[in-house]
Structure formats: C-alpha cells, structure tokens
C-alpha cells in the first residue's frame, strides 16, 4: 500500500491557519461578542474561503465557539461590532478586498504562517514577563 502524498499548499494552509488562530486568540484573549474566555476560536468576519482576507488581521477576531456559530446565522451581530470598531468605510474596503481574487503559492502561505508564528511567540513572551 502506497502512502498518500501530502499537497504542499494544503499543508501550508493548515499551518498558516493554526498559527493565525493561536495569534488571534492570544491577542484578543476573550470573545469580542460576549467577553467569555472559554472555548475561544479565530472568527472571520468575511468567510475564510476568500483567501484574499483569510489571513488579513482586520478580518479576524476572537469569538467563543457559541458566538462564532451564531455568526453563521446572525452575521449582523459581528458585522455591527466590527463597523463600530473600524468604521463603515473600512468595512467597505474589507469587502472590496475580499472580492479581489488572489492566488497564493505554497511558499507565500508558508511566509504567512511564519509571520503569525512570530507574532504569536512575541505576544506569549509579553504575557510571561
């Protein structure tokens, strides 16, 4: 039986997602919606299927699992919070950016993973001081 090959781009996406999630959860430390500190996730205002904003920090904030699930069915709660924080013009810019096609190569995504790994480690070091 032969071993299945791992797609380098898929592997890089998983790595970038993991480091981005760790960084966002360390940065925010609580759910932006209900302020809970339990079951935290990296929530994307605009779906992560749009790679142009998948690893774009302004698109990512910490939500607990329940609030992240609610965002799926009531996106206006997170959207309203985001607009209050950043402004309507910034929201429209984010939407425009999300609709801009992007083609990342595996090495581009590896660089993104490394960037968020470093940001995560920097934040963790601050908390340890």
N, C-alpha and C. Protein backbone atom coordinates (compact mmCIF):
# COMPACT_ATOMS: atom_id res chain seq x y z
N UNK A 1 0.85 -1.18 0.00
CA UNK A 1 0.00 0.00 0.00
C UNK A 1 0.89 1.24 0.00
N UNK A 2 0.63 2.16 -0.93
CA UNK A 2 1.47 3.36 -1.02
C UNK A 2 0.92 4.46 -0.11
N UNK A 3 1.84 5.26 0.36
CA UNK A 3 1.48 6.35 1.24
C UNK A 3 0.96 7.52 0.39
N UNK A 4 -0.13 8.13 0.83
CA UNK A 4 -0.72 9.24 0.10
C UNK A 4 0.18 10.47 0.22
N UNK A 5 0.41 11.15 -0.90
CA UNK A 5 1.23 12.36 -0.89
C UNK A 5 0.46 13.52 -0.26
N UNK A 6 1.16 14.31 0.53
CA UNK A 6 0.56 15.50 1.11
C UNK A 6 0.78 16.66 0.17
N UNK A 7 -0.30 17.34 -0.15
CA UNK A 7 -0.23 18.51 -1.01
C UNK A 7 0.47 19.64 -0.24
N UNK A 8 1.59 20.18 -0.76
CA UNK A 8 2.34 21.21 -0.03
C UNK A 8 1.50 22.47 0.26
N UNK A 9 0.62 22.83 -0.66
CA UNK A 9 -0.21 24.02 -0.45
C UNK A 9 -1.22 23.79 0.68
N UNK A 10 -1.85 22.61 0.70
CA UNK A 10 -2.81 22.30 1.77
C UNK A 10 -2.12 22.27 3.13
N UNK A 11 -0.92 21.72 3.14
CA UNK A 11 -0.14 21.65 4.38
C UNK A 11 0.20 23.07 4.86
N UNK A 12 0.57 23.95 3.93
CA UNK A 12 0.89 25.33 4.28
C UNK A 12 -0.34 26.08 4.77
N UNK A 13 -1.50 25.84 4.15
CA UNK A 13 -2.75 26.48 4.57
C UNK A 13 -3.08 26.08 6.01
N UNK A 14 -2.95 24.79 6.31
CA UNK A 14 -3.24 24.34 7.68
C UNK A 14 -2.29 25.00 8.68
N UNK A 15 -1.04 25.07 8.32
CA UNK A 15 -0.03 25.68 9.20
C UNK A 15 -0.34 27.17 9.42
N UNK A 16 -0.65 27.89 8.34
CA UNK A 16 -0.98 29.32 8.45
C UNK A 16 -2.25 29.51 9.27
N UNK A 17 -3.26 28.68 9.04
CA UNK A 17 -4.50 28.77 9.82
C UNK A 17 -4.24 28.54 11.30
N UNK A 18 -3.43 27.52 11.61
CA UNK A 18 -3.14 27.20 13.01
C UNK A 18 -2.42 28.35 13.72
N UNK A 19 -1.38 28.90 13.07
CA UNK A 19 -0.63 29.99 13.70
C UNK A 19 -1.46 31.26 13.79
N UNK A 20 -2.26 31.54 12.76
CA UNK A 20 -3.13 32.72 12.80
C UNK A 20 -4.13 32.59 13.94
N UNK A 21 -4.72 31.41 14.09
CA UNK A 21 -5.69 31.19 15.15
C UNK A 21 -5.05 31.36 16.54
N UNK A 22 -3.88 30.77 16.72
CA UNK A 22 -3.18 30.93 18.01
C UNK A 22 -2.89 32.40 18.29
N UNK A 23 -2.44 33.11 17.27
CA UNK A 23 -2.11 34.52 17.44
C UNK A 23 -3.36 35.34 17.80
N UNK A 24 -4.44 35.17 17.06
CA UNK A 24 -5.67 35.95 17.31
C UNK A 24 -6.21 35.67 18.71
N UNK A 25 -6.21 34.41 19.12
CA UNK A 25 -6.71 34.06 20.46
C UNK A 25 -5.81 34.64 21.54
N UNK A 26 -4.49 34.67 21.31
CA UNK A 26 -3.57 35.27 22.29
C UNK A 26 -3.69 36.79 22.30
N UNK A 27 -3.90 37.37 21.14
CA UNK A 27 -4.04 38.83 21.03
C UNK A 27 -5.29 39.33 21.74
N UNK A 28 -6.43 38.70 21.48
CA UNK A 28 -7.71 39.20 21.99
C UNK A 28 -8.05 38.66 23.38
N UNK A 29 -7.71 37.42 23.63
CA UNK A 29 -7.85 36.76 24.93
C UNK A 29 -9.27 36.57 25.44
N UNK A 30 -10.26 37.06 24.71
CA UNK A 30 -11.65 36.84 25.09
C UNK A 30 -12.55 37.07 23.89
N UNK A 31 -13.75 36.56 23.97
CA UNK A 31 -14.72 36.70 22.88
C UNK A 31 -15.11 38.17 22.74
N UNK A 32 -15.04 38.69 21.55
CA UNK A 32 -15.38 40.10 21.32
C UNK A 32 -16.88 40.32 21.43
N UNK A 33 -17.67 39.27 21.37
CA UNK A 33 -19.12 39.41 21.42
C UNK A 33 -19.67 39.30 22.84
N UNK A 34 -19.31 38.22 23.56
CA UNK A 34 -19.89 38.00 24.90
C UNK A 34 -18.86 38.15 26.03
N UNK A 35 -17.60 38.35 25.68
CA UNK A 35 -16.48 38.55 26.63
C UNK A 35 -16.04 37.26 27.34
N UNK A 36 -16.55 36.11 26.92
CA UNK A 36 -16.15 34.83 27.52
C UNK A 36 -14.68 34.56 27.24
N UNK A 37 -14.06 33.78 28.12
CA UNK A 37 -12.68 33.35 27.91
C UNK A 37 -12.59 31.84 27.65
N UNK A 38 -13.73 31.19 27.49
CA UNK A 38 -13.77 29.74 27.29
C UNK A 38 -14.03 29.40 25.82
N UNK A 39 -13.45 28.30 25.37
CA UNK A 39 -13.68 27.77 24.02
C UNK A 39 -13.48 28.81 22.92
N UNK A 40 -12.34 29.49 22.96
CA UNK A 40 -12.09 30.57 22.01
C UNK A 40 -11.67 30.06 20.63
N UNK A 41 -12.10 30.79 19.62
CA UNK A 41 -11.78 30.47 18.23
C UNK A 41 -11.35 31.74 17.51
N UNK A 42 -10.73 31.57 16.37
CA UNK A 42 -10.43 32.68 15.47
C UNK A 42 -11.61 32.82 14.53
N UNK A 43 -12.36 33.89 14.67
CA UNK A 43 -13.54 34.09 13.85
C UNK A 43 -13.24 35.06 12.72
N UNK A 44 -13.71 34.72 11.54
CA UNK A 44 -13.52 35.57 10.36
C UNK A 44 -14.80 36.33 10.07
N UNK A 45 -14.72 37.64 9.99
CA UNK A 45 -15.90 38.43 9.64
C UNK A 45 -16.39 38.01 8.26
N UNK A 46 -15.46 37.98 7.31
CA UNK A 46 -15.76 37.53 5.95
C UNK A 46 -15.17 36.13 5.82
N UNK A 47 -15.94 35.24 5.27
CA UNK A 47 -15.58 33.82 5.18
C UNK A 47 -14.13 33.58 4.78
N UNK A 48 -13.53 32.60 5.40
CA UNK A 48 -12.14 32.28 5.11
C UNK A 48 -11.98 31.61 3.76
N UNK A 49 -13.06 31.29 3.10
CA UNK A 49 -12.96 30.75 1.73
C UNK A 49 -12.46 31.83 0.76
N UNK A 50 -12.55 33.08 1.17
CA UNK A 50 -12.00 34.17 0.37
C UNK A 50 -10.55 34.40 0.82
N UNK A 51 -9.64 33.79 0.11
CA UNK A 51 -8.23 33.78 0.54
C UNK A 51 -7.62 35.17 0.60
N UNK A 52 -8.15 36.14 -0.11
CA UNK A 52 -7.57 37.48 -0.07
C UNK A 52 -7.69 38.11 1.32
N UNK A 53 -8.63 37.63 2.15
CA UNK A 53 -8.75 38.16 3.52
C UNK A 53 -8.67 37.07 4.59
N UNK A 54 -8.39 35.85 4.18
CA UNK A 54 -8.32 34.73 5.13
C UNK A 54 -7.30 34.98 6.24
N UNK A 55 -6.14 35.50 5.88
CA UNK A 55 -5.08 35.77 6.87
C UNK A 55 -4.85 37.27 7.02
N UNK A 56 -5.88 38.06 6.83
CA UNK A 56 -5.82 39.52 6.95
C UNK A 56 -6.33 39.88 8.35
N UNK A 57 -5.45 40.40 9.18
CA UNK A 57 -5.78 40.63 10.59
C UNK A 57 -7.08 41.38 10.83
N UNK A 58 -7.37 42.44 10.10
CA UNK A 58 -8.64 43.14 10.37
C UNK A 58 -9.88 42.27 10.15
N UNK A 59 -9.75 41.17 9.47
CA UNK A 59 -10.87 40.27 9.24
C UNK A 59 -11.02 39.23 10.35
N UNK A 60 -10.09 39.19 11.28
CA UNK A 60 -10.06 38.13 12.29
C UNK A 60 -10.11 38.69 13.71
N UNK A 61 -11.05 38.17 14.48
CA UNK A 61 -11.15 38.49 15.89
C UNK A 61 -11.54 37.23 16.64
N UNK A 62 -11.35 37.26 17.92
CA UNK A 62 -11.60 36.12 18.78
C UNK A 62 -13.09 36.06 19.14
N UNK A 63 -13.68 34.90 18.97
CA UNK A 63 -15.03 34.64 19.45
C UNK A 63 -15.05 33.27 20.12
N UNK A 64 -15.93 33.11 21.09
CA UNK A 64 -16.11 31.79 21.68
C UNK A 64 -16.83 30.94 20.64
N UNK A 65 -16.81 29.65 20.85
CA UNK A 65 -17.40 28.73 19.88
C UNK A 65 -18.87 29.06 19.62
N UNK A 66 -19.63 29.36 20.67
CA UNK A 66 -21.06 29.67 20.53
C UNK A 66 -21.31 30.92 19.70
N UNK A 67 -20.57 31.98 19.97
CA UNK A 67 -20.75 33.22 19.22
C UNK A 67 -20.28 33.07 17.77
N UNK A 68 -19.23 32.28 17.56
CA UNK A 68 -18.76 32.03 16.20
C UNK A 68 -19.82 31.26 15.41
N UNK A 69 -20.45 30.30 16.04
CA UNK A 69 -21.53 29.55 15.40
C UNK A 69 -22.72 30.48 15.11
N UNK A 70 -23.06 31.33 16.06
CA UNK A 70 -24.15 32.28 15.86
C UNK A 70 -23.87 33.21 14.68
N UNK A 71 -22.60 33.56 14.50
CA UNK A 71 -22.21 34.44 13.38
C UNK A 71 -22.63 33.83 12.04
N UNK A 72 -22.66 32.52 11.98
CA UNK A 72 -23.06 31.82 10.75
C UNK A 72 -24.51 32.17 10.38
N UNK A 73 -25.35 32.33 11.40
CA UNK A 73 -26.79 32.55 11.17
C UNK A 73 -27.24 33.98 11.43
N UNK A 74 -26.47 34.72 12.21
CA UNK A 74 -26.77 36.12 12.50
C UNK A 74 -25.52 36.96 12.32
N UNK A 75 -25.05 37.11 11.08
CA UNK A 75 -23.79 37.82 10.84
C UNK A 75 -23.85 39.30 11.23
N UNK A 76 -25.04 39.85 11.35
CA UNK A 76 -25.16 41.28 11.66
C UNK A 76 -24.59 41.64 13.04
N UNK A 77 -24.58 40.70 14.00
CA UNK A 77 -24.05 40.98 15.34
C UNK A 77 -22.56 41.32 15.24
N UNK A 78 -21.80 40.44 14.63
CA UNK A 78 -20.35 40.64 14.46
C UNK A 78 -20.09 41.81 13.51
N UNK A 79 -20.86 41.89 12.44
CA UNK A 79 -20.67 42.97 11.46
C UNK A 79 -20.89 44.33 12.11
N UNK A 80 -21.95 44.48 12.90
CA UNK A 80 -22.22 45.76 13.58
C UNK A 80 -21.09 46.11 14.54
N UNK A 81 -20.60 45.10 15.30
CA UNK A 81 -19.48 45.34 16.22
C UNK A 81 -18.26 45.81 15.44
N UNK A 82 -17.97 45.13 14.32
CA UNK A 82 -16.80 45.45 13.52
C UNK A 82 -16.89 46.87 12.96
N UNK A 83 -18.05 47.25 12.46
CA UNK A 83 -18.23 48.60 11.90
C UNK A 83 -18.08 49.66 12.99
N UNK A 84 -18.60 49.39 14.18
CA UNK A 84 -18.42 50.33 15.29
C UNK A 84 -16.94 50.52 15.62
N UNK A 85 -16.18 49.44 15.55
CA UNK A 85 -14.75 49.49 15.88
C UNK A 85 -13.92 50.15 14.78
N UNK A 86 -14.20 49.82 13.53
CA UNK A 86 -13.34 50.24 12.41
C UNK A 86 -13.95 51.30 11.49
N UNK A 87 -15.27 51.41 11.49
CA UNK A 87 -15.94 52.38 10.62
C UNK A 87 -16.49 51.73 9.35
N UNK A 88 -17.50 52.39 8.81
CA UNK A 88 -18.17 51.86 7.62
C UNK A 88 -17.27 51.87 6.39
N UNK A 89 -16.45 52.89 6.25
CA UNK A 89 -15.54 52.95 5.09
C UNK A 89 -14.56 51.78 5.12
N UNK A 90 -14.03 51.46 6.30
CA UNK A 90 -13.10 50.34 6.42
C UNK A 90 -13.80 49.02 6.12
N UNK A 91 -15.07 48.91 6.51
CA UNK A 91 -15.84 47.71 6.21
C UNK A 91 -15.97 47.53 4.70
N UNK A 92 -16.30 48.60 4.00
CA UNK A 92 -16.44 48.52 2.55
C UNK A 92 -15.11 48.19 1.88
N UNK A 93 -14.01 48.70 2.42
CA UNK A 93 -12.68 48.36 1.89
C UNK A 93 -12.39 46.87 2.09
N UNK A 94 -12.76 46.35 3.26
CA UNK A 94 -12.55 44.93 3.54
C UNK A 94 -13.37 44.06 2.59
N UNK A 95 -14.61 44.44 2.37
CA UNK A 95 -15.47 43.69 1.43
C UNK A 95 -14.87 43.74 0.03
N UNK A 96 -14.40 44.91 -0.38
CA UNK A 96 -13.78 45.04 -1.70
C UNK A 96 -12.54 44.15 -1.80
N UNK A 97 -11.71 44.18 -0.76
CA UNK A 97 -10.51 43.34 -0.75
C UNK A 97 -10.89 41.86 -0.82
N UNK A 98 -11.96 41.49 -0.13
CA UNK A 98 -12.39 40.09 -0.12
C UNK A 98 -12.85 39.62 -1.49
N UNK A 99 -13.30 40.54 -2.31
CA UNK A 99 -13.77 40.20 -3.65
C UNK A 99 -12.68 40.31 -4.71
N UNK A 100 -11.46 40.59 -4.27
CA UNK A 100 -10.32 40.66 -5.17
C UNK A 100 -9.68 39.27 -5.22
N UNK A 101 -9.67 38.66 -6.39
CA UNK A 101 -9.07 37.31 -6.48
C UNK A 101 -7.60 37.32 -6.07
N UNK A 102 -7.19 36.28 -5.39
CA UNK A 102 -5.78 36.16 -5.02
C UNK A 102 -5.35 34.72 -5.24
N UNK A 103 -4.13 34.57 -5.68
CA UNK A 103 -3.57 33.25 -5.92
C UNK A 103 -2.28 33.14 -5.11
N UNK A 104 -2.38 32.43 -4.00
CA UNK A 104 -1.21 32.23 -3.17
C UNK A 104 -0.51 30.94 -3.57
N UNK A 105 0.79 30.99 -3.66
CA UNK A 105 1.59 29.79 -3.85
C UNK A 105 1.90 29.22 -2.46
N UNK A 106 2.32 27.98 -2.41
CA UNK A 106 2.62 27.34 -1.13
C UNK A 106 3.66 28.15 -0.34
N UNK A 107 4.69 28.67 -1.03
CA UNK A 107 5.72 29.42 -0.31
C UNK A 107 5.18 30.74 0.24
N UNK A 108 4.19 31.36 -0.44
CA UNK A 108 3.56 32.58 0.10
C UNK A 108 2.84 32.27 1.42
N UNK A 109 2.14 31.16 1.42
CA UNK A 109 1.38 30.77 2.61
C UNK A 109 2.32 30.36 3.73
N UNK A 110 3.44 29.73 3.39
CA UNK A 110 4.45 29.40 4.40
C UNK A 110 4.98 30.67 5.07
N UNK A 111 5.18 31.73 4.28
CA UNK A 111 5.62 33.01 4.83
C UNK A 111 4.58 33.60 5.77
N UNK A 112 3.32 33.48 5.41
CA UNK A 112 2.23 33.95 6.27
C UNK A 112 2.24 33.18 7.58
N UNK A 113 2.41 31.86 7.50
CA UNK A 113 2.48 31.03 8.70
C UNK A 113 3.62 31.47 9.61
N UNK A 114 4.76 31.72 9.01
CA UNK A 114 5.93 32.15 9.79
C UNK A 114 5.70 33.52 10.45
N UNK A 115 5.06 34.42 9.71
CA UNK A 115 4.74 35.76 10.26
C UNK A 115 3.86 35.64 11.50
N UNK A 116 2.81 34.82 11.43
CA UNK A 116 1.91 34.70 12.57
C UNK A 116 2.48 33.85 13.69
N UNK A 117 3.35 32.95 13.36
CA UNK A 117 4.08 32.20 14.41
C UNK A 117 4.92 33.19 15.22
N UNK A 118 5.65 34.07 14.53
CA UNK A 118 6.48 35.05 15.22
C UNK A 118 5.65 36.03 16.04
N UNK A 119 4.53 36.48 15.50
CA UNK A 119 3.65 37.39 16.25
C UNK A 119 3.10 36.70 17.49
N UNK A 120 2.73 35.43 17.34
CA UNK A 120 2.22 34.66 18.47
C UNK A 120 3.29 34.53 19.56
N UNK A 121 4.49 34.15 19.16
CA UNK A 121 5.57 33.97 20.13
C UNK A 121 5.93 35.28 20.83
N UNK A 122 5.85 36.38 20.12
CA UNK A 122 6.11 37.70 20.71
C UNK A 122 5.06 38.03 21.77
N UNK A 123 3.81 37.78 21.47
CA UNK A 123 2.73 38.05 22.44
C UNK A 123 2.87 37.16 23.65
N UNK A 124 3.14 35.89 23.44
CA UNK A 124 3.29 34.96 24.56
C UNK A 124 4.44 35.39 25.47
N UNK A 125 5.53 35.86 24.86
CA UNK A 125 6.67 36.35 25.65
C UNK A 125 6.26 37.54 26.52
N UNK A 126 5.43 38.43 25.99
CA UNK A 126 4.95 39.59 26.76
C UNK A 126 4.16 39.15 27.98
N UNK A 127 3.29 38.14 27.80
CA UNK A 127 2.46 37.66 28.89
C UNK A 127 3.29 36.98 29.97
N UNK A 128 4.41 36.40 29.58
CA UNK A 128 5.27 35.71 30.53
C UNK A 128 6.09 36.67 31.39
N UNK A 129 6.25 37.91 30.91
CA UNK A 129 7.04 38.89 31.67
C UNK A 129 6.33 39.42 32.89
